[in-house]
């Protein structure tokens, strides 16, 4: 027993501290507190932790989803397809938009709060000193999935790949979405170096499917596949999807579908849908049955909040989590298909991102610009963001926090205007919480 703030309380001694088992909030506070360890790439701690938990990842058919842009949407499409095919599917993603349980799902349903408590208690008890937040949460996902009868477990890689905690599992399939410059301070400042890290999820002899890539990224991925004897399937060569008058058409390895209407909107989603469909075909070839009807149903029923997510209004509010130049460019292109009278841009970014690269594609199409600061330690102050906008030739109003900036946008908008909230997943998460009258849990990791 360890003393609590009001006297003795139930608790467990862990290798990362003392954890109260009394409430969900106490457990969550302890897990978030592990953020003090920051990002520490390496597999030693997570492998030691998983071994102490009897290696739950070995009971799963793990699918790694790496890359820079589109990982979450690709994972969501694939999860929906496999769920429609009748499988018990685990989905691990990060960060969350509103609350912690979003990170761990089975067949689309978030992990219940009591399971968060019991799972975290066991993981924390086994964790070696210095274990990071992301390592704890990854282990929780593997443990929860294994103990709840999950077969395929779709694991979105947190950062990089080679030394990411999710890579402690030996996967059966690797997917790599488009690789772009991001997390340069950890992964390197050029596409080749970043790709080498992300290609670390490729497993010997296991298939790999990739989205269209920068030539330097493609060269590194192809070389890794060749060295490991891993079959490589390329968008645009082995499979492809194109928009037609009646929807999305997919030409795959064995599967051909027409008239698809993806549940996750945005013209750029054709790449993510195609990658998920190819993955489903490769899994089917490997013995995980996926019918044509399940493939169609999954693509059309998939949902991924905060990515081209429209709140009907009036005025309408569009949320998109684009947070790097490539994502901002894709978002700017997709806006051409969204009718509106004026575009009111509410934008907030993290200070460690390529701010000008995010702003440049988005500012020209905006009629009014409101600079906000997301509620994270590295959120760029709205005053500085407005100055960056001015340096690019556009005036931006200082909106303060995300909720205040969104309220300002509502006061400026007419019924036929479109309010776009973007720049960071944390900005989008705060706005989504405001729109849904939900509590927002700000945590980076």
Protein backbone atom coordinates (compact mmCIF):
# COMPACT_ATOMS: atom_id res chain seq x y z
CA UNK A 1 0.00 0.00 0.00
CA UNK A 2 1.13 3.52 -0.77
CA UNK A 3 -0.23 6.69 0.78
CA UNK A 4 -2.52 8.72 -1.43
CA UNK A 5 -3.20 12.46 -1.20
CA UNK A 6 -5.84 11.83 1.46
CA UNK A 7 -4.18 8.95 3.27
CA UNK A 8 -3.71 5.28 2.38
CA UNK A 9 -5.02 4.14 -0.99
CA UNK A 10 -4.83 1.06 -3.12
CA UNK A 11 -1.82 1.11 -5.38
CA UNK A 12 0.89 -0.90 -7.06
CA UNK A 13 4.64 -0.35 -7.06
CA UNK A 14 5.87 -0.16 -10.63
CA UNK A 15 9.24 0.26 -12.25
CA UNK A 16 8.03 3.67 -13.45
CA UNK A 17 6.55 4.84 -10.15
CA UNK A 18 3.47 4.22 -8.01
CA UNK A 19 0.15 3.87 -9.79
CA UNK A 20 -3.22 4.22 -8.11
CA UNK A 21 -5.79 1.70 -9.35
CA UNK A 22 -8.74 3.59 -7.94
CA UNK A 23 -9.87 5.62 -10.91
CA UNK A 24 -9.49 5.95 -14.64
CA UNK A 25 -8.36 9.57 -14.26
CA UNK A 26 -5.59 8.63 -11.84
CA UNK A 27 -4.26 6.00 -14.22
CA UNK A 28 -4.47 8.41 -17.13
CA UNK A 29 -2.63 11.13 -15.23
CA UNK A 30 0.18 8.69 -14.49
CA UNK A 31 0.45 7.57 -18.12
CA UNK A 32 0.50 11.15 -19.38
CA UNK A 33 3.14 11.93 -16.77
CA UNK A 34 5.50 9.56 -18.56
CA UNK A 35 5.74 12.22 -21.25
CA UNK A 36 8.61 13.60 -19.17
CA UNK A 37 10.77 10.85 -20.67
CA UNK A 38 10.16 12.33 -24.13
CA UNK A 39 10.95 10.48 -27.36
CA UNK A 40 13.71 7.91 -26.96
CA UNK A 41 14.05 5.79 -30.12
CA UNK A 42 15.12 2.21 -29.48
CA UNK A 43 13.54 -1.21 -29.03
CA UNK A 44 15.32 -2.38 -25.87
CA UNK A 45 12.72 -1.08 -23.38
CA UNK A 46 9.63 -2.13 -25.38
CA UNK A 47 11.06 -5.60 -26.05
CA UNK A 48 11.88 -6.07 -22.37
CA UNK A 49 8.39 -4.90 -21.43
CA UNK A 50 6.63 -7.15 -23.93
CA UNK A 51 8.72 -10.13 -22.81
CA UNK A 52 7.61 -9.51 -19.21
CA UNK A 53 4.01 -9.59 -20.51
CA UNK A 54 4.63 -12.96 -22.25
CA UNK A 55 4.98 -11.35 -25.69
CA UNK A 56 1.32 -10.70 -26.54
CA UNK A 57 2.31 -9.34 -29.96
CA UNK A 58 3.31 -12.86 -31.02
CA UNK A 59 -0.36 -13.90 -30.84
CA UNK A 60 -1.37 -11.30 -33.43
CA UNK A 61 -1.12 -10.93 -37.19
CA UNK A 62 0.46 -7.48 -37.18
CA UNK A 63 0.17 -5.07 -40.10
CA UNK A 64 2.47 -2.05 -39.88
CA UNK A 65 1.37 1.23 -41.48
CA UNK A 66 4.30 3.63 -41.86
CA UNK A 67 4.87 6.78 -43.91
CA UNK A 68 4.31 10.49 -43.40
CA UNK A 69 0.87 11.48 -44.73
CA UNK A 70 -2.22 9.28 -44.90
CA UNK A 71 -1.20 6.62 -42.36
CA UNK A 72 -4.31 7.09 -40.22
CA UNK A 73 -6.73 7.14 -43.15
CA UNK A 74 -5.11 4.07 -44.72
CA UNK A 75 -5.33 2.22 -41.41
CA UNK A 76 -8.96 3.26 -40.97
CA UNK A 77 -9.89 2.06 -44.47
CA UNK A 78 -8.18 -1.29 -43.90
CA UNK A 79 -9.75 -1.73 -40.47
CA UNK A 80 -13.20 -1.13 -41.96
CA UNK A 81 -12.56 -3.61 -44.78
CA UNK A 82 -11.39 -6.38 -42.46
CA UNK A 83 -14.23 -5.71 -40.03
CA UNK A 84 -16.74 -5.96 -42.90
CA UNK A 85 -15.09 -9.28 -43.82
CA UNK A 86 -16.01 -10.64 -40.39
CA UNK A 87 -12.62 -10.50 -38.69
CA UNK A 88 -11.90 -9.26 -35.17
CA UNK A 89 -9.63 -6.33 -35.97
CA UNK A 90 -7.38 -4.28 -33.70
CA UNK A 91 -6.48 -0.71 -34.68
CA UNK A 92 -3.77 1.30 -32.92
CA UNK A 93 -3.28 4.95 -33.90
CA UNK A 94 -1.76 8.14 -32.52
CA UNK A 95 -2.18 10.82 -31.43
CA UNK A 96 -5.76 10.93 -30.21
CA UNK A 97 -7.98 13.84 -31.22
CA UNK A 98 -10.10 14.16 -28.08
CA UNK A 99 -9.41 11.37 -25.59
CA UNK A 100 -6.99 8.53 -24.87
CA UNK A 101 -9.29 5.54 -25.69
CA UNK A 102 -9.35 6.56 -29.37
CA UNK A 103 -5.85 5.14 -29.70
CA UNK A 104 -6.88 1.50 -29.14
CA UNK A 105 -9.92 0.12 -30.99
CA UNK A 106 -11.39 -3.28 -31.78
CA UNK A 107 -13.77 -3.37 -34.76
CA UNK A 108 -14.06 0.39 -34.51
CA UNK A 109 -14.98 0.46 -30.81
CA UNK A 110 -12.67 2.30 -28.42
CA UNK A 111 -11.12 0.51 -25.47
CA UNK A 112 -13.49 0.88 -22.46
CA UNK A 113 -12.23 2.94 -19.54
CA UNK A 114 -12.17 -0.04 -17.10
CA UNK A 115 -9.96 -1.91 -19.58
CA UNK A 116 -7.64 1.10 -19.78
CA UNK A 117 -7.20 0.89 -16.00
CA UNK A 118 -6.63 -2.88 -15.80
CA UNK A 119 -4.39 -2.99 -18.86
CA UNK A 120 -2.30 0.01 -17.79
CA UNK A 121 -1.86 -1.42 -14.30
CA UNK A 122 -0.29 -4.60 -15.68
CA UNK A 123 1.86 -2.84 -18.25
CA UNK A 124 3.17 -0.27 -15.79
CA UNK A 125 4.01 -3.00 -13.27
CA UNK A 126 6.24 -4.66 -15.86
CA UNK A 127 7.78 -1.54 -17.41
CA UNK A 128 11.56 -0.98 -17.05
CA UNK A 129 12.80 2.40 -15.77
CA UNK A 130 12.62 5.21 -18.30
CA UNK A 131 9.89 3.59 -20.41
CA UNK A 132 8.23 6.31 -22.48
CA UNK A 133 4.57 7.17 -22.87
CA UNK A 134 4.42 5.78 -26.39
CA UNK A 135 6.08 2.53 -25.37
CA UNK A 136 3.59 2.05 -22.53
CA UNK A 137 0.63 2.70 -24.83
CA UNK A 138 1.98 0.43 -27.56
CA UNK A 139 2.37 -2.40 -25.04
CA UNK A 140 -1.17 -1.75 -23.80
CA UNK A 141 -2.46 -2.10 -27.34
CA UNK A 142 -0.67 -5.38 -27.97
CA UNK A 143 -1.82 -6.77 -24.60
CA UNK A 144 -5.43 -5.65 -25.04
CA UNK A 145 -5.64 -7.01 -28.58
CA UNK A 146 -4.13 -10.38 -27.65
CA UNK A 147 -6.41 -10.88 -24.66
CA UNK A 148 -9.55 -9.92 -26.59
CA UNK A 149 -9.18 -12.37 -29.43
CA UNK A 150 -7.93 -10.00 -32.12
CA UNK A 151 -6.51 -11.64 -35.25
CA UNK A 152 -5.24 -8.90 -37.52
CA UNK A 153 -3.81 -5.93 -35.61
CA UNK A 154 -3.25 -2.76 -37.64
CA UNK A 155 -0.49 -0.73 -36.02
CA UNK A 156 0.07 2.85 -37.15
CA UNK A 157 3.77 3.55 -36.71
CA UNK A 158 4.30 6.52 -34.40
CA UNK A 159 7.46 8.03 -35.90
CA UNK A 160 9.99 6.58 -38.29
CA UNK A 161 9.76 2.80 -38.21
CA UNK A 162 13.04 1.02 -37.57
CA UNK A 163 13.20 2.03 -33.89
CA UNK A 164 9.51 2.73 -33.30
CA UNK A 165 7.89 0.80 -30.45
CA UNK A 166 5.31 -0.76 -32.79
CA UNK A 167 8.19 -2.45 -34.63
CA UNK A 168 8.83 -4.79 -31.71
CA UNK A 169 6.36 -7.11 -33.43
CA UNK A 170 7.24 -9.23 -36.44
CA UNK A 171 4.55 -8.14 -38.88
CA UNK A 172 3.00 -10.09 -41.72
CA UNK A 173 2.56 -7.06 -44.01
CA UNK A 174 4.03 -3.57 -44.24
CA UNK A 175 2.32 -0.55 -45.80
CA UNK A 176 4.13 2.72 -46.51
CA UNK A 177 2.11 5.83 -47.29
CA UNK A 178 3.78 8.80 -49.05
CA UNK A 179 7.03 9.78 -47.33
CA UNK A 180 7.71 13.49 -46.89
CA UNK A 181 9.82 15.73 -44.67
CA UNK A 182 8.56 15.61 -41.07
CA UNK A 183 10.11 14.99 -37.64
CA UNK A 184 13.41 16.00 -39.24
CA UNK A 185 15.02 16.61 -35.85
CA UNK A 186 14.64 12.88 -35.10
CA UNK A 187 14.69 11.19 -38.51
CA UNK A 188 17.02 13.29 -40.65
CA UNK A 189 16.63 16.27 -42.92
CA UNK A 190 16.32 14.60 -46.31
CA UNK A 191 13.92 12.12 -47.91
CA UNK A 192 16.51 9.35 -48.24
CA UNK A 193 17.43 9.33 -44.55
CA UNK A 194 13.80 9.54 -43.44
CA UNK A 195 12.81 6.71 -45.78
CA UNK A 196 15.55 4.45 -44.49
CA UNK A 197 14.06 4.82 -41.01
CA UNK A 198 10.50 4.22 -42.20
CA UNK A 199 11.55 1.22 -44.31
CA UNK A 200 12.69 -0.40 -41.07
CA UNK A 201 9.17 -1.87 -40.70
CA UNK A 202 9.78 -4.11 -43.73
CA UNK A 203 10.18 -7.74 -42.70
CA UNK A 204 12.19 -10.40 -44.50
CA UNK A 205 10.08 -12.31 -47.02
CA UNK A 206 6.89 -10.44 -46.09
CA UNK A 207 4.96 -8.40 -48.68
CA UNK A 208 5.16 -4.61 -48.82
CA UNK A 209 2.65 -2.27 -50.48
CA UNK A 210 3.48 1.39 -51.05
CA UNK A 211 1.76 4.57 -52.15
CA UNK A 212 3.36 6.80 -54.81
CA UNK A 213 6.73 7.98 -53.53
CA UNK A 214 9.40 10.57 -54.13
CA UNK A 215 12.13 8.97 -56.34
CA UNK A 216 14.62 8.94 -53.45
CA UNK A 217 12.08 7.26 -51.18
CA UNK A 218 11.20 4.67 -53.83
CA UNK A 219 14.88 3.85 -54.36
CA UNK A 220 15.43 3.20 -50.65
CA UNK A 221 12.26 1.14 -50.22
CA UNK A 222 13.01 -0.96 -53.31
CA UNK A 223 16.58 -1.58 -52.13
CA UNK A 224 15.37 -2.70 -48.68
CA UNK A 225 12.81 -5.05 -50.23
CA UNK A 226 15.47 -6.50 -52.52
CA UNK A 227 17.89 -7.06 -49.65
CA UNK A 228 15.22 -8.79 -47.52
CA UNK A 229 13.52 -10.75 -50.29
CA UNK A 230 10.23 -8.94 -49.59
CA UNK A 231 7.77 -8.73 -52.51
CA UNK A 232 7.03 -5.07 -53.37
CA UNK A 233 3.68 -3.85 -54.72
CA UNK A 234 3.55 -0.28 -56.04
CA UNK A 235 0.64 2.09 -56.53
CA UNK A 236 0.60 3.02 -60.19
CA UNK A 237 2.35 -0.18 -61.24
CA UNK A 238 0.73 -3.17 -59.52
CA UNK A 239 -2.49 -1.47 -58.41
CA UNK A 240 -4.13 1.92 -58.83
CA UNK A 241 -7.27 3.95 -58.16
CA UNK A 242 -8.68 6.81 -60.22
CA UNK A 243 -11.70 9.06 -59.90
CA UNK A 244 -14.36 8.54 -62.54
CA UNK A 245 -17.77 10.14 -63.07
CA UNK A 246 -19.52 7.58 -60.85
CA UNK A 247 -16.91 7.46 -58.08
CA UNK A 248 -13.57 5.80 -57.44
CA UNK A 249 -12.39 2.93 -59.65
CA UNK A 250 -9.82 0.48 -58.28
CA UNK A 251 -7.70 -1.86 -60.39
CA UNK A 252 -5.86 -4.26 -58.15
CA UNK A 253 -3.94 -7.50 -58.10
CA UNK A 254 -7.03 -9.66 -58.48
CA UNK A 255 -9.80 -7.23 -57.62
CA UNK A 256 -11.48 -4.62 -59.82
CA UNK A 257 -14.06 -2.27 -58.35
CA UNK A 258 -15.94 0.66 -59.84
CA UNK A 259 -18.28 3.31 -58.43
CA UNK A 260 -16.70 3.38 -54.96
CA UNK A 261 -17.72 6.26 -52.72
CA UNK A 262 -15.16 6.37 -49.91
CA UNK A 263 -16.52 7.14 -46.46
CA UNK A 264 -13.49 9.34 -45.73
CA UNK A 265 -13.90 12.37 -48.03
CA UNK A 266 -11.27 14.19 -50.06
CA UNK A 267 -10.02 13.60 -53.59
CA UNK A 268 -6.57 12.75 -52.24
CA UNK A 269 -8.06 9.77 -50.37
CA UNK A 270 -7.84 7.73 -53.55
CA UNK A 271 -4.21 6.95 -52.64
CA UNK A 272 -5.07 5.81 -49.11
CA UNK A 273 -8.08 3.78 -50.28
CA UNK A 274 -5.99 2.09 -52.97
CA UNK A 275 -3.25 1.18 -50.48
CA UNK A 276 -5.81 -0.32 -48.08
CA UNK A 277 -7.49 -2.29 -50.89
CA UNK A 278 -4.15 -3.69 -52.05
CA UNK A 279 -3.40 -4.64 -48.45
CA UNK A 280 -6.71 -6.49 -48.22
CA UNK A 281 -5.84 -8.41 -51.39
CA UNK A 282 -2.42 -9.40 -50.04
CA UNK A 283 -3.98 -10.50 -46.76
CA UNK A 284 -6.58 -12.52 -48.70
CA UNK A 285 -3.78 -14.23 -50.62
CA UNK A 286 -2.18 -14.99 -47.25
CA UNK A 287 -5.27 -16.74 -45.92
CA UNK A 288 -7.23 -13.90 -44.29
CA UNK A 289 -10.46 -14.06 -46.29
CA UNK A 290 -11.74 -10.75 -47.70
CA UNK A 291 -14.62 -10.82 -50.17
CA UNK A 292 -15.25 -8.27 -52.90
CA UNK A 293 -18.39 -7.11 -51.10
CA UNK A 294 -16.41 -6.61 -47.86
CA UNK A 295 -13.80 -4.56 -49.71
CA UNK A 296 -16.48 -2.30 -51.15
CA UNK A 297 -18.39 -2.04 -47.88
CA UNK A 298 -15.27 -1.22 -45.89
CA UNK A 299 -14.16 1.58 -48.20
CA UNK A 300 -17.62 3.13 -48.20
CA UNK A 301 -18.25 2.81 -44.45
CA UNK A 302 -14.82 3.91 -43.23
CA UNK A 303 -14.70 6.94 -40.98
CA UNK A 304 -11.70 8.89 -39.73
CA UNK A 305 -12.43 12.00 -37.66
CA UNK A 306 -10.51 15.19 -38.28
CA UNK A 307 -9.66 14.40 -41.89
CA UNK A 308 -11.84 16.42 -44.27
CA UNK A 309 -14.57 16.06 -41.61
CA UNK A 310 -17.52 18.33 -42.30
CA UNK A 311 -19.85 19.73 -39.64
CA UNK A 312 -22.99 20.86 -41.49
CA UNK A 313 -23.67 24.20 -39.76
CA UNK A 314 -24.67 26.69 -41.00
CA UNK A 315 -22.05 27.86 -41.42
CA UNK A 316 -20.29 24.62 -42.29
CA UNK A 317 -17.04 23.81 -40.50
CA UNK A 318 -14.43 21.62 -42.17
CA UNK A 319 -11.75 19.99 -40.00
CA UNK A 320 -8.54 18.63 -41.47
CA UNK A 321 -5.41 17.56 -39.62
CA UNK A 322 -2.87 18.43 -42.33
CA UNK A 323 0.27 19.41 -40.42
CA UNK A 324 3.13 19.43 -42.93
CA UNK A 325 3.67 20.98 -46.39
CA UNK A 326 2.66 17.87 -48.34
CA UNK A 327 -0.54 17.50 -46.32
CA UNK A 328 -1.35 21.19 -46.67
CA UNK A 329 -0.84 20.97 -50.44
CA UNK A 330 -3.22 17.99 -50.65
CA UNK A 331 -5.80 19.83 -48.55
CA UNK A 332 -5.57 22.94 -50.74
CA UNK A 333 -6.23 20.80 -53.80
CA UNK A 334 -9.21 19.08 -52.19
CA UNK A 335 -10.82 22.42 -51.29
CA UNK A 336 -11.61 22.96 -54.96
CA UNK A 337 -14.39 20.39 -54.63
CA UNK A 338 -16.01 22.09 -51.62
CA UNK A 339 -18.54 24.80 -52.61
CA UNK A 340 -18.65 27.96 -50.53
CA UNK A 341 -19.11 31.69 -50.74
CA UNK A 342 -16.07 32.66 -48.64
CA UNK A 343 -13.36 30.61 -46.96
CA UNK A 344 -12.56 31.60 -43.38
CA UNK A 345 -9.33 29.92 -42.33
CA UNK A 346 -8.71 29.13 -38.64
CA UNK A 347 -5.14 27.87 -38.44
CA UNK A 348 -2.90 26.84 -35.57
CA UNK A 349 0.42 25.01 -35.85
CA UNK A 350 3.14 23.49 -33.71
CA UNK A 351 6.24 25.63 -33.57
CA UNK A 352 8.57 22.77 -34.51
CA UNK A 353 6.89 22.27 -37.91
CA UNK A 354 7.65 23.87 -41.28
CA UNK A 355 5.27 26.76 -40.65
CA UNK A 356 5.80 28.57 -43.96
CA UNK A 357 5.48 25.28 -45.84
CA UNK A 358 2.10 24.66 -44.22
CA UNK A 359 0.86 28.21 -44.75
CA UNK A 360 1.93 28.73 -48.35
CA UNK A 361 -0.63 26.42 -50.06
CA UNK A 362 -3.52 27.48 -47.83
CA UNK A 363 -3.34 31.27 -47.50
CA UNK A 364 -4.07 32.18 -51.16
CA UNK A 365 -7.54 30.61 -51.08
CA UNK A 366 -8.64 32.19 -47.79
CA UNK A 367 -10.85 35.28 -47.59
CA UNK A 368 -10.24 35.76 -43.86
CA UNK A 369 -7.45 34.26 -41.76
CA UNK A 370 -7.54 33.73 -38.00
CA UNK A 371 -4.31 32.65 -36.32
CA UNK A 372 -4.74 30.53 -33.18
CA UNK A 373 -2.47 28.65 -30.78
CA UNK A 374 -3.21 24.97 -29.96
CA UNK A 375 -3.06 23.93 -26.31
CA UNK A 376 0.26 22.08 -26.45
CA UNK A 377 3.68 23.15 -25.11
CA UNK A 378 5.07 23.69 -28.62
CA UNK A 379 2.05 25.51 -29.97
CA UNK A 380 3.16 28.54 -31.99
CA UNK A 381 1.76 31.73 -30.36
CA UNK A 382 -0.95 33.30 -32.47
CA UNK A 383 0.95 36.62 -32.60
CA UNK A 384 3.96 34.92 -34.17
CA UNK A 385 1.77 32.92 -36.54
CA UNK A 386 0.01 36.07 -37.70
CA UNK A 387 3.44 37.62 -38.35
CA UNK A 388 4.41 34.59 -40.45
CA UNK A 389 1.21 35.07 -42.47
CA UNK A 390 2.06 38.75 -42.96
CA UNK A 391 5.52 37.80 -44.20
CA UNK A 392 3.79 35.72 -46.88
CA UNK A 393 1.68 38.69 -47.93
CA UNK A 394 -1.57 37.98 -46.06
CA UNK A 395 -3.09 39.68 -43.04
CA UNK A 396 -4.20 37.37 -40.24
CA UNK A 397 -6.21 38.26 -37.17
CA UNK A 398 -5.00 37.02 -33.80
CA UNK A 399 -7.64 34.64 -32.46
CA UNK A 400 -6.00 33.49 -29.22
CA UNK A 401 -6.85 29.90 -28.31
CA UNK A 402 -8.57 27.49 -30.69
CA UNK A 403 -12.04 27.81 -29.14
CA UNK A 404 -11.79 31.61 -29.11
CA UNK A 405 -10.62 31.66 -32.71
CA UNK A 406 -13.44 29.38 -33.78
CA UNK A 407 -15.93 31.65 -32.03
CA UNK A 408 -14.43 34.59 -33.91
CA UNK A 409 -14.88 32.70 -37.19
CA UNK A 410 -18.54 32.04 -36.39
CA UNK A 411 -19.06 35.74 -35.74
CA UNK A 412 -17.57 36.60 -39.15
CA UNK A 413 -19.19 33.86 -41.25
CA UNK A 414 -22.42 33.96 -43.18
CA UNK A 415 -24.56 30.87 -43.68
CA UNK A 416 -22.95 30.05 -47.05
CA UNK A 417 -19.35 30.51 -45.93
CA UNK A 418 -16.98 27.66 -45.09
CA UNK A 419 -14.86 27.70 -41.93
CA UNK A 420 -11.73 25.59 -42.34
CA UNK A 421 -9.82 24.54 -39.19
CA UNK A 422 -6.39 23.07 -39.87
CA UNK A 423 -2.62 23.26 -39.29
CA UNK A 424 -2.27 20.62 -36.58
CA UNK A 425 -4.11 17.56 -35.30
CA UNK A 426 -4.12 19.28 -31.91
CA UNK A 427 -5.82 22.37 -33.37
CA UNK A 428 -8.39 20.09 -34.99
CA UNK A 429 -8.86 18.12 -31.78
CA UNK A 430 -9.61 21.25 -29.77
CA UNK A 431 -12.04 22.50 -32.41
CA UNK A 432 -13.77 19.14 -32.59
CA UNK A 433 -14.17 19.10 -28.81
CA UNK A 434 -15.74 22.57 -28.98
CA UNK A 435 -18.14 21.53 -31.76
CA UNK A 436 -19.18 18.34 -29.95
CA UNK A 437 -19.22 19.88 -26.43
CA UNK A 438 -16.66 17.30 -25.37
CA UNK A 439 -13.60 17.48 -23.12
CA UNK A 440 -10.25 17.79 -24.89
CA UNK A 441 -7.21 15.96 -23.49
CA UNK A 442 -4.16 17.78 -24.88
CA UNK A 443 -1.24 15.41 -25.11
CA UNK A 444 1.49 15.19 -27.71
CA UNK A 445 2.77 11.65 -28.31
